[in-house]
Amino acid sequence: MGRTSPPIRVALDQEAERIRKSLEVIQDPSIRAALMDILRSYDDIIPLLMLIPPQLPIDSILLAALAKLWARVLELERKVASKNNTA
């Protein structure tokens, strides 16, 4: 019999865990914290990833990072716009 691929959730979780275990090599605590935040964001988008599996498991982490960054940009834009409207 041929080898079967693991279910998408298992493959994605394995990739996230592989990165989590490797974070100890990062010396800069702010970078380590940022990567942990991205990995938590991965958990937030897992329902989407289950519907539209990525080509590579690392793509799911990159998508989570982009989503987290975009949300932060939008938040900062709202704060700047609000500050400009009150000035």
N, C-alpha and C. Protein backbone atom coordinates (compact mmCIF):
# COMPACT_ATOMS: atom_id res chain seq x y z
N MET A 1 0.84 -1.19 0.00
CA MET A 1 0.00 0.00 0.00
C MET A 1 0.88 1.25 0.00
N GLY A 2 0.33 2.30 -0.58
CA GLY A 2 1.06 3.56 -0.62
C GLY A 2 0.98 4.30 0.70
N ARG A 3 1.89 5.24 0.84
CA ARG A 3 1.91 6.08 2.04
C ARG A 3 0.81 7.11 1.95
N THR A 4 0.14 7.35 3.05
CA THR A 4 -0.93 8.34 3.04
C THR A 4 -0.45 9.61 3.71
N SER A 5 -1.00 10.72 3.29
CA SER A 5 -0.68 12.01 3.90
C SER A 5 -1.47 12.17 5.19
N PRO A 6 -0.89 12.85 6.17
CA PRO A 6 -1.67 13.09 7.39
C PRO A 6 -2.80 14.07 7.10
N PRO A 7 -3.87 14.01 7.88
CA PRO A 7 -4.93 15.00 7.70
C PRO A 7 -4.36 16.42 7.81
N ILE A 8 -4.99 17.35 7.14
CA ILE A 8 -4.46 18.72 7.08
C ILE A 8 -4.24 19.31 8.46
N ARG A 9 -5.16 19.10 9.38
CA ARG A 9 -5.00 19.68 10.72
C ARG A 9 -3.74 19.14 11.40
N VAL A 10 -3.49 17.85 11.24
CA VAL A 10 -2.30 17.24 11.83
C VAL A 10 -1.03 17.83 11.21
N ALA A 11 -1.02 17.97 9.90
CA ALA A 11 0.15 18.53 9.21
C ALA A 11 0.39 19.97 9.65
N LEU A 12 -0.67 20.76 9.77
CA LEU A 12 -0.52 22.15 10.18
C LEU A 12 -0.05 22.26 11.63
N ASP A 13 -0.64 21.44 12.49
CA ASP A 13 -0.23 21.46 13.89
C ASP A 13 1.22 21.01 14.06
N GLN A 14 1.66 20.05 13.26
CA GLN A 14 3.05 19.60 13.32
C GLN A 14 4.00 20.73 12.94
N GLU A 15 3.63 21.49 11.92
CA GLU A 15 4.47 22.61 11.49
C GLU A 15 4.54 23.68 12.58
N ALA A 16 3.41 24.02 13.17
CA ALA A 16 3.39 25.02 14.24
C ALA A 16 4.20 24.54 15.43
N GLU A 17 4.09 23.28 15.78
CA GLU A 17 4.83 22.74 16.91
C GLU A 17 6.33 22.71 16.63
N ARG A 18 6.69 22.41 15.40
CA ARG A 18 8.11 22.41 15.01
C ARG A 18 8.71 23.81 15.22
N ILE A 19 7.95 24.82 14.85
CA ILE A 19 8.42 26.19 15.03
C ILE A 19 8.46 26.55 16.52
N ARG A 20 7.42 26.19 17.26
CA ARG A 20 7.40 26.47 18.71
C ARG A 20 8.63 25.89 19.41
N LYS A 21 8.98 24.66 19.07
CA LYS A 21 10.12 24.01 19.71
C LYS A 21 11.45 24.66 19.33
N SER A 22 11.49 25.33 18.21
CA SER A 22 12.73 25.94 17.74
C SER A 22 12.92 27.37 18.24
N LEU A 23 11.92 27.94 18.87
CA LEU A 23 11.99 29.34 19.28
C LEU A 23 13.09 29.63 20.31
N GLU A 24 13.53 28.61 21.02
CA GLU A 24 14.54 28.84 22.05
C GLU A 24 15.87 29.32 21.46
N VAL A 25 16.10 29.11 20.18
CA VAL A 25 17.35 29.56 19.57
C VAL A 25 17.33 31.06 19.29
N ILE A 26 16.16 31.68 19.32
CA ILE A 26 16.04 33.12 19.09
C ILE A 26 16.48 33.85 20.36
N GLN A 27 17.52 34.66 20.24
CA GLN A 27 18.07 35.36 21.39
C GLN A 27 17.27 36.60 21.78
N ASP A 28 16.73 37.30 20.81
CA ASP A 28 16.00 38.54 21.06
C ASP A 28 14.61 38.22 21.61
N PRO A 29 14.32 38.61 22.88
CA PRO A 29 13.03 38.27 23.46
C PRO A 29 11.84 38.90 22.73
N SER A 30 12.03 40.06 22.13
CA SER A 30 10.91 40.70 21.42
C SER A 30 10.58 39.93 20.14
N ILE A 31 11.58 39.41 19.47
CA ILE A 31 11.35 38.61 18.26
C ILE A 31 10.70 37.29 18.65
N ARG A 32 11.18 36.68 19.73
CA ARG A 32 10.60 35.42 20.20
C ARG A 32 9.12 35.63 20.56
N ALA A 33 8.83 36.73 21.24
CA ALA A 33 7.44 37.04 21.62
C ALA A 33 6.59 37.27 20.37
N ALA A 34 7.15 37.95 19.38
CA ALA A 34 6.40 38.20 18.14
C ALA A 34 6.08 36.88 17.43
N LEU A 35 7.03 35.97 17.39
CA LEU A 35 6.78 34.68 16.76
C LEU A 35 5.73 33.87 17.51
N MET A 36 5.77 33.94 18.83
CA MET A 36 4.74 33.25 19.61
C MET A 36 3.36 33.84 19.33
N ASP A 37 3.31 35.16 19.19
CA ASP A 37 2.04 35.83 18.88
C ASP A 37 1.52 35.37 17.52
N ILE A 38 2.42 35.23 16.55
CA ILE A 38 2.04 34.75 15.22
C ILE A 38 1.50 33.32 15.32
N LEU A 39 2.16 32.50 16.11
CA LEU A 39 1.69 31.12 16.27
C LEU A 39 0.32 31.07 16.93
N ARG A 40 0.05 31.99 17.85
CA ARG A 40 -1.29 32.06 18.43
C ARG A 40 -2.30 32.51 17.37
N SER A 41 -1.87 33.39 16.47
CA SER A 41 -2.74 33.83 15.38
C SER A 41 -3.08 32.67 14.45
N TYR A 42 -2.15 31.75 14.30
CA TYR A 42 -2.41 30.56 13.49
C TYR A 42 -3.63 29.82 14.04
N ASP A 43 -3.71 29.72 15.36
CA ASP A 43 -4.86 29.05 15.97
C ASP A 43 -6.17 29.77 15.63
N ASP A 44 -6.09 31.09 15.46
CA ASP A 44 -7.29 31.87 15.15
C ASP A 44 -7.81 31.62 13.73
N ILE A 45 -6.90 31.29 12.80
CA ILE A 45 -7.33 31.12 11.41
C ILE A 45 -7.48 29.66 11.01
N ILE A 46 -7.32 28.73 11.95
CA ILE A 46 -7.41 27.31 11.60
C ILE A 46 -8.74 26.94 10.93
N PRO A 47 -9.89 27.54 11.30
CA PRO A 47 -11.12 27.18 10.57
C PRO A 47 -11.02 27.47 9.06
N LEU A 48 -10.40 28.60 8.71
CA LEU A 48 -10.20 28.93 7.30
C LEU A 48 -9.28 27.91 6.64
N LEU A 49 -8.21 27.56 7.33
CA LEU A 49 -7.24 26.62 6.77
C LEU A 49 -7.82 25.23 6.56
N MET A 50 -8.80 24.88 7.37
CA MET A 50 -9.45 23.58 7.20
C MET A 50 -10.30 23.56 5.93
N LEU A 51 -10.84 24.71 5.55
CA LEU A 51 -11.64 24.81 4.32
C LEU A 51 -10.78 24.93 3.08
N ILE A 52 -9.69 25.69 3.22
CA ILE A 52 -8.80 25.94 2.08
C ILE A 52 -7.39 25.57 2.51
N PRO A 53 -7.03 24.29 2.43
CA PRO A 53 -5.70 23.86 2.88
C PRO A 53 -4.59 24.56 2.09
N PRO A 54 -3.53 24.98 2.77
CA PRO A 54 -2.41 25.62 2.07
C PRO A 54 -1.62 24.59 1.27
N GLN A 55 -0.86 25.07 0.29
CA GLN A 55 0.01 24.17 -0.48
C GLN A 55 1.08 23.54 0.42
N LEU A 56 1.64 24.36 1.29
CA LEU A 56 2.66 23.91 2.23
C LEU A 56 2.21 24.30 3.63
N PRO A 57 2.48 23.49 4.64
CA PRO A 57 2.06 23.85 5.99
C PRO A 57 2.63 25.19 6.48
N ILE A 58 3.85 25.54 6.07
CA ILE A 58 4.44 26.81 6.51
C ILE A 58 3.62 28.00 6.00
N ASP A 59 2.92 27.80 4.88
CA ASP A 59 2.06 28.87 4.36
C ASP A 59 1.00 29.28 5.36
N SER A 60 0.55 28.34 6.17
CA SER A 60 -0.47 28.68 7.17
C SER A 60 0.09 29.62 8.22
N ILE A 61 1.35 29.44 8.59
CA ILE A 61 2.00 30.32 9.56
C ILE A 61 2.20 31.70 8.94
N LEU A 62 2.60 31.74 7.70
CA LEU A 62 2.80 33.02 7.00
C LEU A 62 1.48 33.77 6.85
N LEU A 63 0.42 33.05 6.54
CA LEU A 63 -0.90 33.68 6.43
C LEU A 63 -1.33 34.25 7.78
N ALA A 64 -1.08 33.51 8.84
CA ALA A 64 -1.41 33.99 10.18
C ALA A 64 -0.63 35.26 10.50
N ALA A 65 0.65 35.28 10.13
CA ALA A 65 1.48 36.46 10.37
C ALA A 65 0.95 37.66 9.60
N LEU A 66 0.61 37.46 8.34
CA LEU A 66 0.08 38.56 7.53
C LEU A 66 -1.24 39.07 8.08
N ALA A 67 -2.09 38.16 8.50
CA ALA A 67 -3.38 38.57 9.06
C ALA A 67 -3.17 39.38 10.33
N LYS A 68 -2.25 38.93 11.19
CA LYS A 68 -1.96 39.64 12.44
C LYS A 68 -1.40 41.03 12.15
N LEU A 69 -0.46 41.11 11.22
CA LEU A 69 0.12 42.41 10.86
C LEU A 69 -0.92 43.34 10.25
N TRP A 70 -1.75 42.81 9.37
CA TRP A 70 -2.78 43.64 8.74
C TRP A 70 -3.77 44.17 9.77
N ALA A 71 -4.17 43.32 10.70
CA ALA A 71 -5.09 43.77 11.75
C ALA A 71 -4.45 44.89 12.57
N ARG A 72 -3.16 44.76 12.85
CA ARG A 72 -2.45 45.78 13.62
C ARG A 72 -2.34 47.09 12.83
N VAL A 73 -2.08 47.00 11.52
CA VAL A 73 -2.02 48.20 10.67
C VAL A 73 -3.38 48.91 10.68
N LEU A 74 -4.45 48.15 10.54
CA LEU A 74 -5.78 48.76 10.54
C LEU A 74 -6.09 49.43 11.88
N GLU A 75 -5.68 48.79 12.96
CA GLU A 75 -5.88 49.37 14.28
C GLU A 75 -5.11 50.70 14.42
N LEU A 76 -3.88 50.71 13.97
CA LEU A 76 -3.08 51.94 14.04
C LEU A 76 -3.64 53.03 13.13
N GLU A 77 -4.13 52.66 11.96
CA GLU A 77 -4.74 53.64 11.06
C GLU A 77 -5.98 54.27 11.71
N ARG A 78 -6.79 53.46 12.39
CA ARG A 78 -7.98 54.00 13.06
C ARG A 78 -7.57 54.97 14.16
N LYS A 79 -6.51 54.63 14.90
CA LYS A 79 -6.06 55.52 15.98
C LYS A 79 -5.55 56.84 15.41
N VAL A 80 -4.80 56.78 14.33
CA VAL A 80 -4.26 58.00 13.71
C VAL A 80 -5.40 58.85 13.16
N ALA A 81 -6.36 58.21 12.50
CA ALA A 81 -7.51 58.94 11.94
C ALA A 81 -8.32 59.58 13.06
N SER A 82 -8.52 58.86 14.15
CA SER A 82 -9.27 59.40 15.28
C SER A 82 -8.54 60.58 15.90
N LYS A 83 -7.23 60.46 16.02
CA LYS A 83 -6.42 61.55 16.59
C LYS A 83 -6.47 62.77 15.69
N ASN A 84 -6.41 62.56 14.36
CA ASN A 84 -6.45 63.67 13.42
C ASN A 84 -7.83 64.35 13.41
N ASN A 85 -8.88 63.60 13.64
CA ASN A 85 -10.23 64.16 13.66
C ASN A 85 -10.49 65.01 14.90
N THR A 86 -9.82 64.70 16.00
CA THR A 86 -10.02 65.46 17.22
C THR A 86 -9.09 66.66 17.31
N ALA A 87 -8.07 66.72 16.45
CA ALA A 87 -7.12 67.82 16.51
C ALA A 87 -7.56 69.02 15.71
